[in-house]
Amino acid sequence: MTPPDQVVPRKRPTIRDVAREAGVSYATVSRVLNGRDWVSPDAAQAVRAAIARTGYTANPHARSLATGRSGSIAFLLTEPQHLLFEDPNFSILLRGVAEALAQRELTLVLMIAGTPDERRRALTYLSGGHVDGVLVVSSHSGDPLLEQLVSADVPVVACGRALGHEQVISSVAADDCAGARSAVAHLIAAGRRRIATITGPLDTSGGVDRLDGYRDALRAADLPLDDLLITHGDWSRDGGAAAMRALLDVAPDVDGVFVASDLMAAGALAVLRDAGREVPGDVAVVGFDDSGLAATLDPPLATVRQPLERISDEMVRLISERVAGRAPVSVTIPTQLVVRASADLPAISARRRTGPPEPDHPNRAT
């Protein structure tokens, strides 16, 4: 006899309990739980109602054994750990992916692989059957990790084009080239002629494609391509600042800058301010991302918006398709130029009409 003060644990409901409650077979309940199509609407509704009444929840370990799947998807950032917290793009993508996976009742596994040791450990884990697929963020060409994941038959979707692996890896990317073209065309329309760029790393698709867009816009306007006006960053604020200092050293007459990310643009704006250059009067600046940081800068940053929430949704959709065995596909999503004070045309025009204030002269009559 059970003592009166002892609680008897409630037996966990099983699929057979649900089948008995719904008045259907065990196989029918299994088909509903696994999303199979060949169940009548009435039977499916009866099963869902029985699940609600019994409080049944799937045993993830049993399901994994039955289906050969873990129910988990990895979010793999191949950048140094500090960028996960410093660059708002990554946190927005992570949040969007987490929400999209939750809607599919899939678990998110966050992994960072910014060093060789981290890559080695990540490969061991990811190829060991612990996840059903991998969402790779900020992949670099020449990094063997992508090829190793493909060789291990791990489904992969890349954020941005997977340079060198476009035929075997699905990808979702903003239209980086077109976005960069629109940014530089805006600077040209503002009358800027010595337009520089701070690129992202050129072993990433964003770095390559945004540089291509910069060059395309200059060619379209019959402006010369000057290698002195191209400097390279690493997506970080400090990298943008260092690149801007290098630009001012070799091209002090620069009057416009397209920066391949908002975070690098934040560093560039600080350097311009310290150098006494007025933005946008002396130098107009356009960034890329519009992740939330741009509007908080001083002055607010004109930028190219890439729809990170939609990119997140598309990545989760494609990884689900890859896990189901569908062929790799690539998706390109349009961008939009967002004009703010750092490259606002009316502000630039007013500045050019009045010109910069003349410096005080010790012999000037008062």
Protein backbone atom coordinates (compact mmCIF):
# COMPACT_ATOMS: atom_id res chain seq x y z
CA MET A 1 0.00 0.00 0.00
CA THR A 2 1.32 3.42 -0.94
CA PRO A 3 1.87 5.73 2.05
CA PRO A 4 -0.59 8.66 1.98
CA ASP A 5 2.20 11.28 1.78
CA GLN A 6 3.97 9.64 -1.16
CA VAL A 7 3.17 10.92 -4.66
CA VAL A 8 2.81 8.23 -7.27
CA PRO A 9 4.42 9.43 -10.52
CA ARG A 10 1.98 9.66 -13.38
CA LYS A 11 2.72 7.24 -16.18
CA ARG A 12 3.85 9.02 -19.34
CA PRO A 13 1.22 8.67 -22.12
CA THR A 14 2.31 6.53 -25.06
CA ILE A 15 1.35 6.39 -28.72
CA ARG A 16 -0.87 3.40 -27.91
CA ASP A 17 -2.73 5.50 -25.32
CA VAL A 18 -3.32 8.14 -27.99
CA ALA A 19 -4.49 5.51 -30.49
CA ARG A 20 -6.94 4.05 -27.98
CA GLU A 21 -8.26 7.51 -27.07
CA ALA A 22 -8.67 8.49 -30.75
CA GLY A 23 -10.15 5.16 -31.81
CA VAL A 24 -7.54 4.65 -34.53
CA SER A 25 -4.61 2.32 -35.09
CA TYR A 26 -1.09 2.76 -33.73
CA ALA A 27 0.14 3.15 -37.32
CA THR A 28 -2.27 6.03 -37.96
CA VAL A 29 -1.01 7.92 -34.92
CA SER A 30 2.57 7.33 -36.06
CA ARG A 31 1.80 8.69 -39.51
CA VAL A 32 0.23 11.85 -38.04
CA LEU A 33 3.20 12.42 -35.72
CA ASN A 34 5.65 12.04 -38.58
CA GLY A 35 3.76 14.36 -40.92
CA ARG A 36 2.77 11.72 -43.45
CA ASP A 37 0.19 12.66 -46.05
CA TRP A 38 -1.84 9.49 -46.28
CA VAL A 39 -4.13 10.10 -43.26
CA SER A 40 -7.74 11.22 -43.65
CA PRO A 41 -8.59 14.68 -42.26
CA ASP A 42 -11.05 13.16 -39.76
CA ALA A 43 -8.48 10.69 -38.45
CA ALA A 44 -5.81 13.37 -38.20
CA GLN A 45 -8.18 15.62 -36.25
CA ALA A 46 -9.09 12.77 -33.90
CA VAL A 47 -5.42 12.04 -33.25
CA ARG A 48 -4.60 15.68 -32.50
CA ALA A 49 -7.55 15.90 -30.12
CA ALA A 50 -6.44 12.70 -28.37
CA ILE A 51 -2.92 14.07 -28.01
CA ALA A 52 -4.31 17.17 -26.32
CA ARG A 53 -6.52 15.11 -23.96
CA THR A 54 -3.82 12.64 -22.96
CA GLY A 55 -0.99 15.15 -22.74
CA TYR A 56 1.19 13.01 -24.97
CA THR A 57 4.61 14.35 -25.99
CA ALA A 58 7.01 12.58 -28.28
CA ASN A 59 10.03 10.88 -26.75
CA PRO A 60 12.89 12.49 -28.67
CA HIS A 61 15.26 9.58 -28.09
CA ALA A 62 12.75 7.05 -29.34
CA ARG A 63 11.91 9.20 -32.35
CA SER A 64 15.60 9.59 -33.15
CA LEU A 65 16.06 5.82 -33.09
CA ALA A 66 12.99 5.30 -35.25
CA THR A 67 13.70 7.99 -37.83
CA GLY A 68 17.48 8.16 -37.82
CA ARG A 69 17.25 11.90 -37.20
CA SER A 70 18.23 14.00 -34.21
CA GLY A 71 15.68 16.78 -34.62
CA SER A 72 18.51 19.32 -34.27
CA ILE A 73 20.04 21.83 -36.67
CA ALA A 74 23.40 23.53 -36.07
CA PHE A 75 24.01 27.25 -36.52
CA LEU A 76 27.73 27.34 -37.27
CA LEU A 77 29.50 30.72 -37.21
CA THR A 78 32.96 30.50 -38.75
CA GLU A 79 34.19 33.78 -37.25
CA PRO A 80 35.93 34.70 -33.97
CA GLN A 81 33.63 34.45 -30.96
CA HIS A 82 33.59 38.18 -30.21
CA LEU A 83 31.89 38.95 -33.55
CA LEU A 84 28.81 36.99 -32.48
CA PHE A 85 28.21 39.71 -29.89
CA GLU A 86 29.81 42.68 -31.66
CA ASP A 87 28.22 42.34 -35.10
CA PRO A 88 24.42 42.72 -34.88
CA ASN A 89 23.94 40.81 -38.14
CA PHE A 90 24.86 37.54 -36.51
CA SER A 91 22.54 37.95 -33.54
CA ILE A 92 19.64 38.87 -35.85
CA LEU A 93 20.29 35.81 -38.02
CA LEU A 94 20.57 33.61 -34.92
CA ARG A 95 17.27 34.88 -33.51
CA GLY A 96 15.51 34.45 -36.84
CA VAL A 97 16.84 30.92 -37.30
CA ALA A 98 15.84 29.97 -33.76
CA GLU A 99 12.28 31.18 -34.34
CA ALA A 100 11.97 29.44 -37.70
CA LEU A 101 13.31 26.17 -36.29
CA ALA A 102 10.95 26.35 -33.31
CA GLN A 103 8.00 26.59 -35.71
CA ARG A 104 9.16 23.26 -37.17
CA GLU A 105 9.78 21.80 -33.70
CA LEU A 106 13.50 21.53 -34.37
CA THR A 107 16.25 22.26 -31.84
CA LEU A 108 18.97 24.84 -32.45
CA VAL A 109 22.59 23.96 -31.69
CA LEU A 110 24.90 27.00 -31.66
CA MET A 111 28.54 26.39 -32.60
CA ILE A 112 31.40 28.82 -33.23
CA ALA A 113 34.40 27.74 -35.28
CA GLY A 114 36.72 30.70 -35.67
CA THR A 115 39.98 28.84 -35.02
CA PRO A 116 41.49 25.63 -36.44
CA ASP A 117 40.90 23.79 -33.15
CA GLU A 118 37.27 24.93 -33.05
CA ARG A 119 36.81 23.79 -36.66
CA ARG A 120 38.27 20.38 -35.87
CA ARG A 121 35.97 19.89 -32.88
CA ALA A 122 32.98 21.17 -34.84
CA LEU A 123 33.62 18.72 -37.67
CA THR A 124 33.86 15.79 -35.26
CA TYR A 125 30.57 16.73 -33.64
CA LEU A 126 28.66 17.63 -36.78
CA SER A 127 29.71 14.53 -38.72
CA GLY A 128 28.87 12.28 -35.77
CA GLY A 129 25.12 12.28 -36.35
CA HIS A 130 24.34 14.74 -33.55
CA VAL A 131 22.53 17.12 -35.93
CA ASP A 132 20.46 16.66 -39.07
CA GLY A 133 21.97 19.62 -40.91
CA VAL A 134 24.17 22.69 -40.61
CA LEU A 135 23.54 26.37 -41.33
CA VAL A 136 26.97 27.86 -42.05
CA VAL A 137 27.29 31.60 -41.49
CA SER A 138 30.18 33.66 -42.93
CA SER A 139 31.98 30.83 -44.69
CA HIS A 140 35.44 31.54 -46.14
CA SER A 141 36.78 30.15 -49.39
CA GLY A 142 39.69 27.79 -48.85
CA ASP A 143 38.31 26.67 -45.49
CA PRO A 144 38.25 22.83 -45.73
CA LEU A 145 35.36 22.60 -43.26
CA LEU A 146 32.66 22.96 -45.92
CA GLU A 147 34.19 20.28 -48.12
CA GLN A 148 34.63 17.99 -45.12
CA LEU A 149 30.98 18.38 -44.15
CA VAL A 150 29.88 17.60 -47.71
CA SER A 151 32.18 14.56 -47.79
CA ALA A 152 30.59 13.38 -44.53
CA ASP A 153 27.12 13.63 -46.16
CA VAL A 154 25.99 16.34 -43.76
CA PRO A 155 23.29 18.57 -45.31
CA VAL A 156 24.55 22.17 -45.42
CA VAL A 157 23.01 25.55 -46.22
CA ALA A 158 25.31 28.59 -46.38
CA CYS A 159 24.43 32.19 -45.60
CA GLY A 160 25.97 33.88 -48.62
CA ARG A 161 27.33 32.10 -51.66
CA ALA A 162 29.49 29.12 -50.75
CA LEU A 163 32.52 30.10 -52.81
CA GLY A 164 33.86 27.06 -54.64
CA HIS A 165 30.97 24.85 -53.53
CA GLU A 166 27.99 26.42 -55.29
CA GLN A 167 26.98 23.16 -57.02
CA VAL A 168 26.80 21.02 -53.88
CA ILE A 169 25.73 23.41 -51.11
CA SER A 170 22.46 25.31 -50.90
CA SER A 171 22.78 28.99 -50.09
CA VAL A 172 20.76 32.08 -49.27
CA ALA A 173 22.30 35.47 -50.03
CA ALA A 174 21.35 39.10 -50.28
CA ASP A 175 21.98 40.57 -53.71
CA ASP A 176 25.30 42.00 -52.56
CA CYS A 177 26.48 43.16 -55.96
CA ALA A 178 23.28 45.07 -56.79
CA GLY A 179 23.16 46.55 -53.30
CA ALA A 180 26.71 47.86 -53.59
CA ARG A 181 25.95 49.30 -57.03
CA SER A 182 23.00 51.23 -55.61
CA ALA A 183 25.13 52.61 -52.76
CA VAL A 184 27.91 53.85 -55.03
CA ALA A 185 25.44 55.19 -57.62
CA HIS A 186 23.90 57.26 -54.84
CA LEU A 187 27.29 58.75 -53.97
CA ILE A 188 27.89 59.52 -57.65
CA ALA A 189 24.47 61.20 -57.90
CA ALA A 190 25.54 63.36 -54.95
CA GLY A 191 28.41 64.66 -57.04
CA ARG A 192 31.15 62.61 -55.42
CA ARG A 193 34.02 61.66 -57.70
CA ARG A 194 36.80 60.36 -55.43
CA ILE A 195 34.79 57.45 -54.05
CA ALA A 196 36.64 54.85 -52.02
CA THR A 197 35.53 51.53 -50.61
CA ILE A 198 36.32 49.50 -47.52
CA THR A 199 35.71 45.87 -48.48
CA GLY A 200 34.90 42.86 -46.39
CA PRO A 201 37.31 39.90 -46.42
CA LEU A 202 37.82 38.83 -50.03
CA ASP A 203 37.58 35.15 -49.13
CA THR A 204 33.86 35.69 -48.38
CA SER A 205 31.09 36.10 -50.93
CA GLY A 206 29.97 39.36 -49.33
CA GLY A 207 33.45 40.81 -49.61
CA VAL A 208 33.83 39.77 -53.26
CA ASP A 209 30.36 40.68 -54.49
CA ARG A 210 30.18 44.08 -52.79
CA LEU A 211 33.55 45.01 -54.28
CA ASP A 212 32.27 43.93 -57.70
CA GLY A 213 29.23 46.17 -57.27
CA TYR A 214 31.45 49.12 -56.33
CA ARG A 215 33.50 48.64 -59.48
CA ASP A 216 30.40 48.17 -61.65
CA ALA A 217 28.95 51.49 -60.50
CA LEU A 218 32.16 53.39 -61.22
CA ARG A 219 32.42 51.88 -64.69
CA ALA A 220 28.79 52.75 -65.43
CA ALA A 221 29.55 56.38 -64.59
CA ASP A 222 32.82 56.40 -66.58
CA LEU A 223 34.80 57.06 -63.43
CA PRO A 224 38.33 55.65 -63.15
CA LEU A 225 39.09 52.62 -61.01
CA ASP A 226 41.89 53.57 -58.63
CA ASP A 227 43.38 50.80 -56.51
CA LEU A 228 44.48 53.42 -53.96
CA LEU A 229 40.81 53.92 -53.17
CA ILE A 230 40.26 50.25 -52.24
CA THR A 231 41.14 49.10 -48.72
CA HIS A 232 40.20 45.88 -46.98
CA GLY A 233 38.52 45.24 -43.65
CA ASP A 234 37.51 42.21 -41.60
CA TRP A 235 33.84 43.05 -40.81
CA SER A 236 34.86 44.51 -37.42
CA ARG A 237 34.64 48.09 -36.12
CA ASP A 238 38.40 48.19 -35.53
CA GLY A 239 39.01 46.85 -39.04
CA GLY A 240 36.87 49.63 -40.51
CA ALA A 241 38.74 52.25 -38.51
CA ALA A 242 42.14 50.95 -39.61
CA ALA A 243 41.04 50.88 -43.26
CA MET A 244 39.71 54.45 -43.07
CA ARG A 245 43.01 55.71 -41.60
CA ALA A 246 44.86 53.96 -44.43
CA LEU A 247 42.57 55.60 -47.00
CA LEU A 248 43.14 59.09 -45.61
CA ASP A 249 46.89 58.51 -45.71
CA VAL A 250 46.99 57.61 -49.42
CA ALA A 251 43.95 59.57 -50.68
CA PRO A 252 43.33 62.62 -48.50
CA ASP A 253 41.03 64.03 -51.20
CA VAL A 254 38.51 61.19 -50.88
CA ASP A 255 34.97 62.61 -50.85
CA GLY A 256 32.83 59.47 -50.65
CA VAL A 257 33.20 56.03 -49.08
CA PHE A 258 31.18 52.87 -49.56
CA VAL A 259 31.81 50.58 -46.58
CA ALA A 260 30.88 46.91 -46.95
CA SER A 261 29.30 46.63 -43.49
CA ASP A 262 27.69 48.96 -40.98
CA LEU A 263 30.02 47.84 -38.19
CA MET A 264 33.09 48.77 -40.26
CA ALA A 265 31.35 52.02 -41.21
CA ALA A 266 31.00 52.85 -37.50
CA GLY A 267 34.78 52.64 -37.18
CA ALA A 268 35.26 54.71 -40.35
CA LEU A 269 32.94 57.48 -39.10
CA ALA A 270 34.92 57.77 -35.86
CA VAL A 271 38.19 58.15 -37.79
CA LEU A 272 36.70 60.80 -40.09
CA ARG A 273 35.42 62.74 -37.08
CA ASP A 274 38.83 62.59 -35.38
CA ALA A 275 40.46 63.78 -38.62
CA GLY A 276 38.19 66.83 -38.72
CA ARG A 277 36.25 65.64 -41.79
CA GLU A 278 32.58 66.57 -41.76
CA VAL A 279 30.10 63.86 -42.80
CA PRO A 280 28.47 64.23 -45.27
CA GLY A 281 29.83 67.66 -46.16
CA ASP A 282 33.45 66.65 -46.71
CA VAL A 283 33.02 62.89 -47.05
CA ALA A 284 29.71 61.09 -47.68
CA VAL A 285 29.50 57.55 -46.29
CA VAL A 286 27.22 54.61 -47.14
CA GLY A 287 27.32 51.27 -45.32
CA PHE A 288 25.73 47.87 -45.86
CA ASP A 289 23.34 45.87 -43.61
CA ASP A 290 20.85 48.19 -41.86
CA SER A 291 20.81 45.82 -38.92
CA GLY A 292 19.82 48.49 -36.37
CA LEU A 293 23.26 49.92 -35.67
CA ALA A 294 23.13 52.28 -38.68
CA ALA A 295 20.34 54.49 -37.34
CA THR A 296 22.12 54.97 -33.99
CA LEU A 297 25.40 56.30 -35.41
CA ASP A 298 26.36 59.98 -35.56
CA PRO A 299 25.40 60.99 -38.16
CA PRO A 300 22.82 58.27 -38.88
CA LEU A 301 24.30 56.02 -41.53
CA ALA A 302 22.94 55.68 -45.04
CA THR A 303 23.12 51.99 -45.83
CA VAL A 304 21.92 49.05 -47.90
CA ARG A 305 19.30 46.97 -46.14
CA GLN A 306 19.57 43.22 -46.45
CA PRO A 307 16.44 41.44 -45.14
CA LEU A 308 18.05 39.26 -42.48
CA GLU A 309 14.74 37.92 -41.16
CA ARG A 310 13.80 36.62 -44.60
CA ILE A 311 17.28 35.18 -45.06
CA SER A 312 16.85 33.27 -41.78
CA ASP A 313 13.50 31.85 -42.88
CA GLU A 314 14.86 30.79 -46.26
CA MET A 315 17.88 29.10 -44.69
CA VAL A 316 15.65 27.01 -42.44
CA ARG A 317 13.36 26.14 -45.35
CA LEU A 318 16.29 25.01 -47.48
CA ILE A 319 17.94 22.97 -44.72
CA SER A 320 14.64 21.16 -44.20
CA GLU A 321 14.58 20.36 -47.90
CA ARG A 322 18.20 19.19 -47.88
CA VAL A 323 17.56 16.93 -44.89
CA ALA A 324 14.63 15.46 -46.84
CA GLY A 325 17.01 14.68 -49.70
CA ARG A 326 16.25 17.45 -52.18
CA ALA A 327 18.91 18.85 -54.50
CA PRO A 328 20.93 21.98 -53.56
CA VAL A 329 19.50 25.33 -54.66
CA SER A 330 20.61 28.95 -54.28
CA VAL A 331 18.32 31.84 -53.36
CA THR A 332 19.16 35.52 -53.89
CA ILE A 333 17.13 38.15 -52.05
CA PRO A 334 16.88 41.82 -53.17
CA THR A 335 18.32 44.65 -51.08
CA GLN A 336 17.16 48.24 -50.57
CA LEU A 337 19.09 51.49 -50.24
CA VAL A 338 18.18 53.42 -47.09
CA VAL A 339 19.26 57.08 -47.25
CA ARG A 340 20.17 58.80 -43.99
CA ALA A 341 22.19 61.84 -42.97
CA SER A 342 25.66 60.41 -43.69
CA ALA A 343 24.87 60.57 -47.42
CA ASP A 344 21.71 62.61 -47.61
CA LEU A 345 21.49 64.46 -50.95
CA PRO A 346 19.89 67.70 -49.63
CA ALA A 347 22.51 67.95 -46.89
CA ILE A 348 25.33 67.40 -49.37
CA SER A 349 23.89 69.98 -51.79
CA ALA A 350 23.55 72.60 -49.08
CA ARG A 351 27.07 72.01 -47.91
CA ARG A 352 28.44 72.33 -51.45
CA ARG A 353 26.53 75.60 -52.03
CA THR A 354 27.83 77.28 -48.91
CA GLY A 355 31.21 75.60 -48.81
CA PRO A 356 33.17 74.87 -45.65
CA PRO A 357 33.63 77.71 -43.16
CA GLU A 358 36.82 79.65 -43.69
CA PRO A 359 39.39 79.29 -40.91
CA ASP A 360 39.99 82.24 -38.65
CA HIS A 361 42.90 84.42 -39.87
CA PRO A 362 45.05 86.27 -37.35
CA ASN A 363 45.21 89.40 -39.58
CA ARG A 364 41.53 89.49 -40.50
CA ALA A 365 39.81 92.76 -39.68
CA THR A 366 36.90 92.54 -37.34
